[in-house]
Structure formats: structure tokens, C-alpha cells
Amino acid sequence: METRMVTVTSEEMAKGIEESGRIALYGIFFDTDKTDIKPESVPTLEEIAKLMKALPELRVLVVGHTDNTGDREYNMGLSSRRAESVVKFLQDKFQIPATRMIPAGLGMLAPVASNRTEGGRANNRRVELLEF
């Protein structure tokens, strides 16, 4: 299955956060059962950094989500570790202060689509930014 990558701009992220307090991002990729951020994720992470620099007062929860494949408890931990990887990347590469980002993982507890199809599972594997 080919994955089509769409990078959301920092302006689009800002609009989503302004309108609803959150934005779901589908451009951050990990190998199955891994927490290392894949290189094709960099454009999305660059846009997050632009957003954070353009809005210096913005503080966000960086929330990792998984599909329903595997054990619930394991997925909770995996989603948390992936969110931590995103926060660490933004700190290390773009000097975004840790005080502005809190990593969290919800595992498979907050799906946005059915887990019955690969497309639905792909939509459920995401990172969200929630303003706090």
C-alpha cells in the first residue's frame, strides 16, 4: 500500500488550533513497533517548529495515537514513547523549550476512524497537538 504524504503548513496548524484547540497530524512516521522518527517526517516537524516559533505563548500536549493492532497496554506505552520522541526531536533540532510541550499517549483509546480497514487504522495512527 502506498502512503501519500501531505505536509500541513504551520499556518494551517495555527488555524486548526485557533478554531478547535487541536490539530491532527498524519505526516509523522514510525516503523511498526518503533519510536524512531522516520526521515520523511522532517517536513511536518519543521512546520511544527515554525508554528511554535511564530506563537511563542503556545503550549501544547503532543499526543500519540495508535490503531487497535496489539495489546491495549502495550499501545499506551508505545504511543507515549512516540510522543516523547517528537518532543525530544523538536527540542534537539529546533530548540523548542520542553516547558511548552508535554508528551502523552492515548494508544488506541481515541480513534478517528474504524479500525476494520487498513485506511481506517492508518488514520488512527497519528500525532495530535492540543493547546493547553
N, C-alpha and C. Protein backbone atom coordinates (compact mmCIF):
# COMPACT_ATOMS: atom_id res chain seq x y z
N MET A 1 0.84 -1.19 0.00
CA MET A 1 0.00 0.00 0.00
C MET A 1 0.88 1.25 0.00
N GLU A 2 0.64 2.14 -0.89
CA GLU A 2 1.40 3.38 -0.97
C GLU A 2 0.82 4.40 0.00
N THR A 3 1.69 5.07 0.73
CA THR A 3 1.25 6.11 1.64
C THR A 3 1.48 7.46 0.99
N ARG A 4 0.44 8.25 0.89
CA ARG A 4 0.56 9.58 0.31
C ARG A 4 0.87 10.54 1.45
N MET A 5 1.93 11.30 1.30
CA MET A 5 2.34 12.20 2.36
C MET A 5 1.87 13.62 2.04
N VAL A 6 1.18 14.21 2.98
CA VAL A 6 0.73 15.59 2.86
C VAL A 6 1.26 16.33 4.08
N THR A 7 2.00 17.40 3.85
CA THR A 7 2.53 18.19 4.95
C THR A 7 1.61 19.36 5.20
N VAL A 8 1.14 19.45 6.43
CA VAL A 8 0.30 20.57 6.85
C VAL A 8 1.22 21.73 7.18
N THR A 9 0.92 22.91 6.67
CA THR A 9 1.78 24.07 6.93
C THR A 9 1.56 24.59 8.34
N SER A 10 2.52 25.37 8.81
CA SER A 10 2.39 25.97 10.14
C SER A 10 1.17 26.89 10.20
N GLU A 11 0.85 27.54 9.10
CA GLU A 11 -0.33 28.41 9.06
C GLU A 11 -1.61 27.60 9.21
N GLU A 12 -1.67 26.45 8.54
CA GLU A 12 -2.84 25.57 8.67
C GLU A 12 -2.95 25.02 10.09
N MET A 13 -1.80 24.69 10.68
CA MET A 13 -1.80 24.22 12.07
C MET A 13 -2.33 25.31 13.00
N ALA A 14 -1.85 26.53 12.81
CA ALA A 14 -2.29 27.65 13.66
C ALA A 14 -3.80 27.85 13.53
N LYS A 15 -4.31 27.76 12.30
CA LYS A 15 -5.75 27.93 12.09
C LYS A 15 -6.54 26.84 12.80
N GLY A 16 -6.09 25.60 12.70
CA GLY A 16 -6.77 24.49 13.37
C GLY A 16 -6.77 24.65 14.87
N ILE A 17 -5.64 25.07 15.42
CA ILE A 17 -5.56 25.26 16.87
C ILE A 17 -6.43 26.43 17.30
N GLU A 18 -6.44 27.49 16.50
CA GLU A 18 -7.27 28.65 16.84
C GLU A 18 -8.75 28.29 16.82
N GLU A 19 -9.16 27.48 15.84
CA GLU A 19 -10.57 27.13 15.68
C GLU A 19 -11.05 26.07 16.66
N SER A 20 -10.20 25.07 16.93
CA SER A 20 -10.68 23.95 17.75
C SER A 20 -9.77 23.58 18.92
N GLY A 21 -8.62 24.25 19.02
CA GLY A 21 -7.70 23.94 20.10
C GLY A 21 -6.85 22.71 19.84
N ARG A 22 -6.92 22.17 18.61
CA ARG A 22 -6.17 20.95 18.30
C ARG A 22 -5.95 20.83 16.80
N ILE A 23 -4.95 20.01 16.45
CA ILE A 23 -4.72 19.67 15.05
C ILE A 23 -4.15 18.25 15.01
N ALA A 24 -4.73 17.41 14.16
CA ALA A 24 -4.23 16.05 13.96
C ALA A 24 -3.22 16.08 12.82
N LEU A 25 -2.10 15.41 13.03
CA LEU A 25 -1.03 15.39 12.04
C LEU A 25 -0.79 13.95 11.59
N TYR A 26 -0.76 13.75 10.29
CA TYR A 26 -0.55 12.42 9.74
C TYR A 26 0.78 12.31 9.01
N GLY A 27 1.65 13.29 9.17
CA GLY A 27 2.92 13.31 8.47
C GLY A 27 4.11 12.96 9.35
N ILE A 28 3.85 12.32 10.49
CA ILE A 28 4.94 11.88 11.37
C ILE A 28 4.90 10.36 11.35
N PHE A 29 6.00 9.75 10.89
CA PHE A 29 6.01 8.32 10.62
C PHE A 29 7.01 7.57 11.49
N PHE A 30 6.60 6.35 11.87
CA PHE A 30 7.43 5.44 12.65
C PHE A 30 7.30 4.06 12.01
N ASP A 31 8.36 3.27 12.08
CA ASP A 31 8.24 1.87 11.68
C ASP A 31 7.36 1.16 12.71
N THR A 32 6.79 0.04 12.30
CA THR A 32 5.95 -0.75 13.19
C THR A 32 6.70 -1.07 14.47
N ASP A 33 6.06 -0.80 15.59
CA ASP A 33 6.59 -1.14 16.91
C ASP A 33 7.88 -0.39 17.25
N LYS A 34 8.12 0.76 16.61
CA LYS A 34 9.34 1.54 16.84
C LYS A 34 8.99 2.95 17.27
N THR A 35 9.97 3.63 17.88
CA THR A 35 9.77 5.01 18.31
C THR A 35 10.69 5.98 17.59
N ASP A 36 11.59 5.47 16.75
CA ASP A 36 12.48 6.34 15.98
C ASP A 36 11.67 7.03 14.88
N ILE A 37 11.80 8.34 14.81
CA ILE A 37 11.09 9.11 13.80
C ILE A 37 11.74 8.88 12.44
N LYS A 38 10.93 8.55 11.44
CA LYS A 38 11.46 8.29 10.10
C LYS A 38 11.81 9.61 9.40
N PRO A 39 12.82 9.60 8.52
CA PRO A 39 13.26 10.83 7.86
C PRO A 39 12.17 11.56 7.10
N GLU A 40 11.20 10.85 6.55
CA GLU A 40 10.14 11.52 5.79
C GLU A 40 9.20 12.33 6.68
N SER A 41 9.41 12.28 7.99
CA SER A 41 8.62 13.07 8.94
C SER A 41 9.15 14.49 9.11
N VAL A 42 10.36 14.73 8.67
CA VAL A 42 11.02 16.02 8.93
C VAL A 42 10.22 17.22 8.42
N PRO A 43 9.63 17.20 7.22
CA PRO A 43 8.86 18.38 6.80
C PRO A 43 7.73 18.75 7.77
N THR A 44 7.02 17.77 8.28
CA THR A 44 5.96 18.06 9.25
C THR A 44 6.54 18.60 10.54
N LEU A 45 7.63 18.03 11.00
CA LEU A 45 8.26 18.51 12.23
C LEU A 45 8.80 19.93 12.06
N GLU A 46 9.31 20.24 10.87
CA GLU A 46 9.76 21.62 10.60
C GLU A 46 8.59 22.59 10.69
N GLU A 47 7.42 22.18 10.20
CA GLU A 47 6.24 23.05 10.27
C GLU A 47 5.77 23.22 11.71
N ILE A 48 5.86 22.17 12.52
CA ILE A 48 5.52 22.31 13.94
C ILE A 48 6.46 23.31 14.59
N ALA A 49 7.75 23.21 14.28
CA ALA A 49 8.72 24.15 14.85
C ALA A 49 8.41 25.58 14.42
N LYS A 50 8.04 25.78 13.16
CA LYS A 50 7.67 27.13 12.69
C LYS A 50 6.46 27.65 13.47
N LEU A 51 5.48 26.78 13.69
CA LEU A 51 4.30 27.15 14.46
C LEU A 51 4.69 27.58 15.87
N MET A 52 5.51 26.79 16.52
CA MET A 52 5.89 27.08 17.90
C MET A 52 6.71 28.37 17.99
N LYS A 53 7.52 28.63 16.98
CA LYS A 53 8.31 29.87 16.98
C LYS A 53 7.46 31.09 16.63
N ALA A 54 6.45 30.90 15.77
CA ALA A 54 5.57 32.02 15.40
C ALA A 54 4.62 32.40 16.54
N LEU A 55 4.31 31.43 17.39
CA LEU A 55 3.39 31.66 18.51
C LEU A 55 4.10 31.31 19.82
N PRO A 56 4.97 32.20 20.28
CA PRO A 56 5.81 31.86 21.44
C PRO A 56 5.05 31.60 22.73
N GLU A 57 3.79 32.01 22.80
CA GLU A 57 2.99 31.75 24.00
C GLU A 57 2.29 30.39 23.94
N LEU A 58 2.29 29.74 22.79
CA LEU A 58 1.59 28.47 22.60
C LEU A 58 2.27 27.35 23.38
N ARG A 59 1.46 26.61 24.13
CA ARG A 59 1.92 25.40 24.81
C ARG A 59 1.00 24.27 24.36
N VAL A 60 1.57 23.12 24.08
CA VAL A 60 0.78 22.02 23.52
C VAL A 60 1.05 20.69 24.22
N LEU A 61 0.01 19.89 24.24
CA LEU A 61 0.16 18.47 24.52
C LEU A 61 0.49 17.83 23.19
N VAL A 62 1.52 17.01 23.14
CA VAL A 62 1.86 16.25 21.95
C VAL A 62 1.35 14.84 22.23
N VAL A 63 0.25 14.47 21.57
CA VAL A 63 -0.46 13.24 21.90
C VAL A 63 -0.27 12.20 20.80
N GLY A 64 0.28 11.06 21.18
CA GLY A 64 0.44 9.95 20.25
C GLY A 64 -0.76 9.03 20.28
N HIS A 65 -1.12 8.51 19.11
CA HIS A 65 -2.25 7.58 18.98
C HIS A 65 -1.80 6.36 18.17
N THR A 66 -2.43 5.23 18.41
CA THR A 66 -2.16 4.01 17.65
C THR A 66 -3.48 3.47 17.10
N ASP A 67 -3.36 2.45 16.25
CA ASP A 67 -4.56 1.72 15.84
C ASP A 67 -4.83 0.64 16.90
N ASN A 68 -5.72 -0.29 16.60
CA ASN A 68 -6.07 -1.30 17.60
C ASN A 68 -5.29 -2.59 17.45
N THR A 69 -4.23 -2.58 16.64
CA THR A 69 -3.41 -3.77 16.47
C THR A 69 -2.56 -3.96 17.72
N GLY A 70 -2.64 -5.12 18.32
CA GLY A 70 -1.84 -5.41 19.50
C GLY A 70 -2.57 -5.14 20.81
N ASP A 71 -1.83 -5.28 21.88
CA ASP A 71 -2.35 -5.17 23.24
C ASP A 71 -2.58 -3.71 23.64
N ARG A 72 -3.68 -3.45 24.32
CA ARG A 72 -4.03 -2.08 24.72
C ARG A 72 -2.95 -1.44 25.57
N GLU A 73 -2.50 -2.14 26.59
CA GLU A 73 -1.48 -1.57 27.49
C GLU A 73 -0.18 -1.29 26.74
N TYR A 74 0.21 -2.21 25.87
CA TYR A 74 1.43 -2.00 25.10
C TYR A 74 1.30 -0.77 24.21
N ASN A 75 0.15 -0.63 23.55
CA ASN A 75 -0.06 0.52 22.67
C ASN A 75 -0.07 1.83 23.44
N MET A 76 -0.55 1.81 24.68
CA MET A 76 -0.49 3.02 25.51
C MET A 76 0.96 3.45 25.69
N GLY A 77 1.81 2.50 26.03
CA GLY A 77 3.23 2.81 26.21
C GLY A 77 3.89 3.24 24.92
N LEU A 78 3.59 2.54 23.82
CA LEU A 78 4.17 2.88 22.52
C LEU A 78 3.78 4.29 22.10
N SER A 79 2.52 4.64 22.26
CA SER A 79 2.08 5.98 21.86
C SER A 79 2.75 7.05 22.72
N SER A 80 2.95 6.77 23.99
CA SER A 80 3.65 7.72 24.88
C SER A 80 5.10 7.89 24.45
N ARG A 81 5.76 6.78 24.15
CA ARG A 81 7.17 6.86 23.74
C ARG A 81 7.31 7.59 22.41
N ARG A 82 6.38 7.40 21.51
CA ARG A 82 6.42 8.12 20.23
C ARG A 82 6.22 9.62 20.45
N ALA A 83 5.29 9.99 21.32
CA ALA A 83 5.08 11.41 21.63
C ALA A 83 6.35 12.00 22.25
N GLU A 84 7.00 11.24 23.12
CA GLU A 84 8.27 11.69 23.71
C GLU A 84 9.33 11.88 22.64
N SER A 85 9.37 11.01 21.63
CA SER A 85 10.33 11.15 20.53
C SER A 85 10.10 12.44 19.76
N VAL A 86 8.83 12.79 19.54
CA VAL A 86 8.51 14.02 18.83
C VAL A 86 8.96 15.23 19.64
N VAL A 87 8.66 15.24 20.93
CA VAL A 87 9.07 16.35 21.80
C VAL A 87 10.59 16.48 21.81
N LYS A 88 11.29 15.36 21.96
CA LYS A 88 12.76 15.40 22.01
C LYS A 88 13.33 15.91 20.69
N PHE A 89 12.76 15.48 19.57
CA PHE A 89 13.22 15.95 18.26
C PHE A 89 13.06 17.46 18.16
N LEU A 90 11.91 17.98 18.55
CA LEU A 90 11.66 19.42 18.47
C LEU A 90 12.59 20.20 19.41
N GLN A 91 12.90 19.63 20.55
CA GLN A 91 13.84 20.27 21.47
C GLN A 91 15.25 20.26 20.89
N ASP A 92 15.70 19.11 20.44
CA ASP A 92 17.08 18.95 19.98
C ASP A 92 17.36 19.67 18.66
N LYS A 93 16.46 19.57 17.70
CA LYS A 93 16.72 20.12 16.37
C LYS A 93 16.29 21.58 16.21
N PHE A 94 15.29 22.00 16.99
CA PHE A 94 14.73 23.34 16.79
C PHE A 94 14.72 24.19 18.05
N GLN A 95 15.28 23.67 19.13
CA GLN A 95 15.38 24.40 20.39
C GLN A 95 14.02 24.90 20.91
N ILE A 96 12.98 24.10 20.73
CA ILE A 96 11.68 24.42 21.32
C ILE A 96 11.75 24.00 22.79
N PRO A 97 11.50 24.91 23.73
CA PRO A 97 11.64 24.57 25.15
C PRO A 97 10.69 23.46 25.60
N ALA A 98 11.21 22.59 26.44
CA ALA A 98 10.42 21.48 26.97
C ALA A 98 9.21 21.97 27.75
N THR A 99 9.30 23.16 28.31
CA THR A 99 8.19 23.71 29.10
C THR A 99 6.96 24.02 28.26
N ARG A 100 7.12 24.02 26.95
CA ARG A 100 6.00 24.34 26.05
C ARG A 100 5.34 23.10 25.45
N MET A 101 5.87 21.91 25.75
CA MET A 101 5.35 20.68 25.16
C MET A 101 5.29 19.58 26.22
N ILE A 102 4.16 18.94 26.30
CA ILE A 102 4.00 17.80 27.20
C ILE A 102 3.64 16.58 26.36
N PRO A 103 4.48 15.53 26.39
CA PRO A 103 4.14 14.33 25.63
C PRO A 103 3.11 13.49 26.37
N ALA A 104 2.21 12.88 25.63
CA ALA A 104 1.20 11.99 26.20
C ALA A 104 0.83 10.95 25.16
N GLY A 105 0.35 9.82 25.63
CA GLY A 105 -0.08 8.76 24.71
C GLY A 105 -1.45 8.25 25.08
N LEU A 106 -2.29 8.09 24.08
CA LEU A 106 -3.63 7.55 24.29
C LEU A 106 -3.81 6.17 23.67
N GLY A 107 -2.74 5.64 23.06
CA GLY A 107 -2.86 4.33 22.45
C GLY A 107 -4.00 4.30 21.46
N MET A 108 -4.86 3.29 21.62
CA MET A 108 -5.99 3.10 20.70
C MET A 108 -7.30 3.64 21.28
N LEU A 109 -7.23 4.45 22.33
CA LEU A 109 -8.44 4.87 23.05
C LEU A 109 -9.24 5.98 22.38
N ALA A 110 -8.69 6.65 21.39
CA ALA A 110 -9.41 7.77 20.77
C ALA A 110 -9.33 7.69 19.24
N PRO A 111 -9.92 6.64 18.66
CA PRO A 111 -9.85 6.51 17.20
C PRO A 111 -10.67 7.60 16.51
N VAL A 112 -10.21 7.97 15.32
CA VAL A 112 -10.95 8.92 14.48
C VAL A 112 -11.60 8.21 13.30
N ALA A 113 -11.34 6.91 13.17
CA ALA A 113 -11.88 6.12 12.06
C ALA A 113 -12.04 4.68 12.54
N SER A 114 -12.73 3.89 11.74
CA SER A 114 -12.89 2.47 12.04
C SER A 114 -11.55 1.77 11.92
N ASN A 115 -11.31 0.82 12.80
CA ASN A 115 -10.10 0.01 12.72
C ASN A 115 -10.31 -1.25 11.87
N ARG A 116 -11.43 -1.33 11.17
CA ARG A 116 -11.74 -2.52 10.37
C ARG A 116 -11.00 -2.56 9.04
N THR A 117 -10.50 -1.40 8.60
CA THR A 117 -9.78 -1.35 7.32
C THR A 117 -8.39 -0.78 7.54
N GLU A 118 -7.49 -1.06 6.61
CA GLU A 118 -6.13 -0.51 6.71
C GLU A 118 -6.17 1.01 6.66
N GLY A 119 -7.02 1.56 5.81
CA GLY A 119 -7.14 3.02 5.73
C GLY A 119 -7.59 3.63 7.05
N GLY A 120 -8.55 3.00 7.69
CA GLY A 120 -9.00 3.48 8.99
C GLY A 120 -7.92 3.38 10.04
N ARG A 121 -7.22 2.24 10.05
CA ARG A 121 -6.12 2.08 11.01
C ARG A 121 -5.03 3.12 10.77
N ALA A 122 -4.74 3.40 9.49
CA ALA A 122 -3.73 4.42 9.17
C ALA A 122 -4.14 5.78 9.72
N ASN A 123 -5.42 6.12 9.60
CA ASN A 123 -5.90 7.40 10.14
C ASN A 123 -5.80 7.45 11.66
N ASN A 124 -5.92 6.31 12.29
CA ASN A 124 -5.84 6.28 13.75
C ASN A 124 -4.41 6.37 14.27
N ARG A 125 -3.43 6.06 13.43
CA ARG A 125 -2.02 6.20 13.81
C ARG A 125 -1.59 7.63 13.50
N ARG A 126 -1.61 8.46 14.53
CA ARG A 126 -1.37 9.88 14.30
C ARG A 126 -0.79 10.52 15.54
N VAL A 127 -0.37 11.76 15.37
CA VAL A 127 0.04 12.62 16.48
C VAL A 127 -0.86 13.84 16.43
N GLU A 128 -1.33 14.26 17.57
CA GLU A 128 -2.14 15.48 17.66
C GLU A 128 -1.44 16.50 18.53
N LEU A 129 -1.65 17.76 18.20
CA LEU A 129 -1.23 18.86 19.07
C LEU A 129 -2.50 19.44 19.67
N LEU A 130 -2.53 19.52 21.00
CA LEU A 130 -3.67 20.10 21.72
C LEU A 130 -3.17 21.26 22.55
N GLU A 131 -3.77 22.40 22.36
CA GLU A 131 -3.37 23.59 23.13
C GLU A 131 -3.78 23.42 24.59
N PHE A 132 -2.88 23.86 25.49
CA PHE A 132 -3.26 23.88 26.91
C PHE A 132 -2.85 25.18 27.54
